Amino acid sequence: MEIKGYTLHGDYYLADDVIPNVTWKEACETKEGIALPNGKTVIAHTLSKEELETIPKEERKISKNGHFWYWTSTSYAGSGAWYVSDNGVFDSDYIYDSDDYGGARLGFKNPF
């Protein structure tokens, strides 16, 4: 099923574009209501590392609009969080309030 702005990868629809320059906290709080062709609505959100691990790395990487990495919603070692790098692998970075700007890539589990 085609959903404008999202592409199905495995069991998850991922946004085609990354929202640039957001902190981890902002990425975790970002949500978008998506109207489906069947009239239902789903909420797209920042996926966890565990959810994104189910998607092959070639499909989870992105390099559109000059933005090459994005946060997951999964914290790491208390003061860090996991992100998806430009080649689709996971890495972690320290997070300090508004420092460490990354990207938010919204997604949702296939509802069909």
C-alpha atoms as a PDB file:
ATOM      1  CA  MET A   1       0.000   0.000   0.000  1.00  0.00           C
ATOM      2  CA  GLU A   2       1.409   3.390  -0.962  1.00  0.00           C
ATOM      3  CA  ILE A   3       1.424   6.118   1.693  1.00  0.00           C
ATOM      4  CA  LYS A   4       2.657   9.542   0.608  1.00  0.00           C
ATOM      5  CA  GLY A   5       6.003  10.436   2.209  1.00  0.00           C
ATOM      6  CA  TYR A   6       6.578   6.935   3.615  1.00  0.00           C
ATOM      7  CA  THR A   7       8.068   3.751   2.197  1.00  0.00           C
ATOM      8  CA  LEU A   8       7.529   0.217   3.485  1.00  0.00           C
ATOM      9  CA  HIS A   9      10.717  -1.482   4.701  1.00  0.00           C
ATOM     10  CA  GLY A  10      10.123  -4.902   6.210  1.00  0.00           C
ATOM     11  CA  ASP A  11       7.315  -4.515   8.750  1.00  0.00           C
ATOM     12  CA  TYR A  12       7.693  -0.730   9.086  1.00  0.00           C
ATOM     13  CA  TYR A  13       6.913   2.331   7.039  1.00  0.00           C
ATOM     14  CA  LEU A  14       9.771   4.851   7.293  1.00  0.00           C
ATOM     15  CA  ALA A  15       9.580   8.517   6.367  1.00  0.00           C
ATOM     16  CA  ASP A  16      11.314   9.257   3.080  1.00  0.00           C
ATOM     17  CA  ASP A  17      12.887  12.372   4.610  1.00  0.00           C
ATOM     18  CA  VAL A  18      14.661  13.139   7.862  1.00  0.00           C
ATOM     19  CA  ILE A  19      13.665  16.167   9.924  1.00  0.00           C
ATOM     20  CA  PRO A  20      17.084  17.815  10.452  1.00  0.00           C
ATOM     21  CA  ASN A  21      18.617  19.507  13.482  1.00  0.00           C
ATOM     22  CA  VAL A  22      16.657  18.052  16.374  1.00  0.00           C
ATOM     23  CA  THR A  23      17.928  16.860  19.709  1.00  0.00           C
ATOM     24  CA  TRP A  24      17.285  13.321  20.894  1.00  0.00           C
ATOM     25  CA  LYS A  25      14.529  14.507  23.227  1.00  0.00           C
ATOM     26  CA  GLU A  26      12.843  16.453  20.413  1.00  0.00           C
ATOM     27  CA  ALA A  27      13.134  13.443  18.107  1.00  0.00           C
ATOM     28  CA  CYS A  28      11.480  11.211  20.711  1.00  0.00           C
ATOM     29  CA  GLU A  29       8.622  13.694  21.168  1.00  0.00           C
ATOM     30  CA  THR A  30       7.988  14.263  17.447  1.00  0.00           C
ATOM     31  CA  LYS A  31       4.835  12.592  16.161  1.00  0.00           C
ATOM     32  CA  GLU A  32       2.700  12.875  13.039  1.00  0.00           C
ATOM     33  CA  GLY A  33      -0.822  11.616  12.378  1.00  0.00           C
ATOM     34  CA  ILE A  34      -0.969   9.738   9.062  1.00  0.00           C
ATOM     35  CA  ALA A  35      -4.344   9.258   7.376  1.00  0.00           C
ATOM     36  CA  LEU A  36      -4.459   5.836   5.731  1.00  0.00           C
ATOM     37  CA  PRO A  37      -6.369   5.055   2.525  1.00  0.00           C
ATOM     38  CA  ASN A  38      -8.840   2.937   4.536  1.00  0.00           C
ATOM     39  CA  GLY A  39      -9.845   5.974   6.630  1.00  0.00           C
ATOM     40  CA  LYS A  40      -7.928   4.991   9.775  1.00  0.00           C
ATOM     41  CA  THR A  41      -5.124   7.078  11.276  1.00  0.00           C
ATOM     42  CA  VAL A  42      -1.773   5.907  12.619  1.00  0.00           C
ATOM     43  CA  ILE A  43       0.765   7.904  14.594  1.00  0.00           C
ATOM     44  CA  ALA A  44       4.248   8.017  13.086  1.00  0.00           C
ATOM     45  CA  HIS A  45       6.998   8.403  15.688  1.00  0.00           C
ATOM     46  CA  THR A  46      10.748   7.919  16.187  1.00  0.00           C
ATOM     47  CA  LEU A  47      11.296   4.170  16.158  1.00  0.00           C
ATOM     48  CA  SER A  48      13.368   2.294  18.726  1.00  0.00           C
ATOM     49  CA  LYS A  49      16.681   0.632  17.972  1.00  0.00           C
ATOM     50  CA  GLU A  50      14.950  -2.746  18.320  1.00  0.00           C
ATOM     51  CA  GLU A  51      12.320  -1.845  15.735  1.00  0.00           C
ATOM     52  CA  LEU A  52      14.906  -0.483  13.302  1.00  0.00           C
ATOM     53  CA  GLU A  53      17.095  -3.583  13.721  1.00  0.00           C
ATOM     54  CA  THR A  54      14.409  -5.567  11.882  1.00  0.00           C
ATOM     55  CA  ILE A  55      15.050  -3.476   8.748  1.00  0.00           C
ATOM     56  CA  PRO A  56      18.134  -4.286   6.616  1.00  0.00           C
ATOM     57  CA  LYS A  57      20.840  -1.633   6.963  1.00  0.00           C
ATOM     58  CA  GLU A  58      20.676  -0.726   3.263  1.00  0.00           C
ATOM     59  CA  GLU A  59      17.011   0.153   3.733  1.00  0.00           C
ATOM     60  CA  ARG A  60      17.355   2.072   6.998  1.00  0.00           C
ATOM     61  CA  LYS A  61      20.175   4.354   5.804  1.00  0.00           C
ATOM     62  CA  ILE A  62      19.283   7.680   4.241  1.00  0.00           C
ATOM     63  CA  SER A  63      21.223  10.520   2.665  1.00  0.00           C
ATOM     64  CA  LYS A  64      18.544  12.834   1.284  1.00  0.00           C
ATOM     65  CA  ASN A  65      18.502  16.592   1.787  1.00  0.00           C
ATOM     66  CA  GLY A  66      22.089  16.636   3.039  1.00  0.00           C
ATOM     67  CA  HIS A  67      21.162  14.945   6.314  1.00  0.00           C
ATOM     68  CA  PHE A  68      22.921  11.681   6.892  1.00  0.00           C
ATOM     69  CA  TRP A  69      21.929  10.284  10.293  1.00  0.00           C
ATOM     70  CA  TYR A  70      18.958  10.145  12.647  1.00  0.00           C
ATOM     71  CA  TRP A  71      18.137   9.239  16.237  1.00  0.00           C
ATOM     72  CA  THR A  72      16.394   6.133  17.496  1.00  0.00           C
ATOM     73  CA  SER A  73      14.179   6.443  20.588  1.00  0.00           C
ATOM     74  CA  THR A  74      16.486   4.117  22.558  1.00  0.00           C
ATOM     75  CA  SER A  75      18.801   5.533  25.204  1.00  0.00           C
ATOM     76  CA  TYR A  76      22.328   4.222  25.733  1.00  0.00           C
ATOM     77  CA  ALA A  77      24.297   4.152  28.987  1.00  0.00           C
ATOM     78  CA  GLY A  78      22.262   6.858  30.708  1.00  0.00           C
ATOM     79  CA  SER A  79      23.691   9.917  28.963  1.00  0.00           C
ATOM     80  CA  GLY A  80      23.646   8.728  25.392  1.00  0.00           C
ATOM     81  CA  ALA A  81      21.327   7.443  22.695  1.00  0.00           C
ATOM     82  CA  TRP A  82      21.522   5.182  19.666  1.00  0.00           C
ATOM     83  CA  TYR A  83      21.342   6.601  16.171  1.00  0.00           C
ATOM     84  CA  VAL A  84      21.431   5.265  12.604  1.00  0.00           C
ATOM     85  CA  SER A  85      24.532   6.439  10.753  1.00  0.00           C
ATOM     86  CA  ASP A  86      24.869   7.299   7.079  1.00  0.00           C
ATOM     87  CA  ASN A  87      25.739   3.695   6.178  1.00  0.00           C
ATOM     88  CA  GLY A  88      22.797   2.223   8.088  1.00  0.00           C
ATOM     89  CA  VAL A  89      24.690   0.875  11.108  1.00  0.00           C
ATOM     90  CA  PHE A  90      23.956   1.833  14.702  1.00  0.00           C
ATOM     91  CA  ASP A  91      26.219   3.973  16.830  1.00  0.00           C
ATOM     92  CA  SER A  92      25.734   5.901  20.062  1.00  0.00           C
ATOM     93  CA  ASP A  93      26.369   9.502  20.984  1.00  0.00           C
ATOM     94  CA  TYR A  94      26.312  11.453  24.228  1.00  0.00           C
ATOM     95  CA  ILE A  95      23.332  13.741  24.655  1.00  0.00           C
ATOM     96  CA  TYR A  96      23.307  16.921  26.716  1.00  0.00           C
ATOM     97  CA  ASP A  97      20.024  18.793  26.711  1.00  0.00           C
ATOM     98  CA  SER A  98      20.146  20.782  23.456  1.00  0.00           C
ATOM     99  CA  ASP A  99      23.573  19.623  22.243  1.00  0.00           C
ATOM    100  CA  ASP A 100      24.141  16.842  19.721  1.00  0.00           C
ATOM    101  CA  TYR A 101      21.673  17.772  17.016  1.00  0.00           C
ATOM    102  CA  GLY A 102      20.746  14.882  14.774  1.00  0.00           C
ATOM    103  CA  GLY A 103      17.651  14.079  12.817  1.00  0.00           C
ATOM    104  CA  ALA A 104      14.228  12.578  13.368  1.00  0.00           C
ATOM    105  CA  ARG A 105      12.974   9.933  10.973  1.00  0.00           C
ATOM    106  CA  LEU A 106       9.407   8.963  11.758  1.00  0.00           C
ATOM    107  CA  GLY A 107       7.917   5.567  11.158  1.00  0.00           C
ATOM    108  CA  PHE A 108       5.158   3.166  12.116  1.00  0.00           C
ATOM    109  CA  LYS A 109       4.447  -0.566  12.007  1.00  0.00           C
ATOM    110  CA  ASN A 110       2.629  -1.749   8.899  1.00  0.00           C
ATOM    111  CA  PRO A 111      -1.066  -1.633   9.892  1.00  0.00           C
ATOM    112  CA  PHE A 112      -2.273  -3.756   6.963  1.00  0.00           C
END
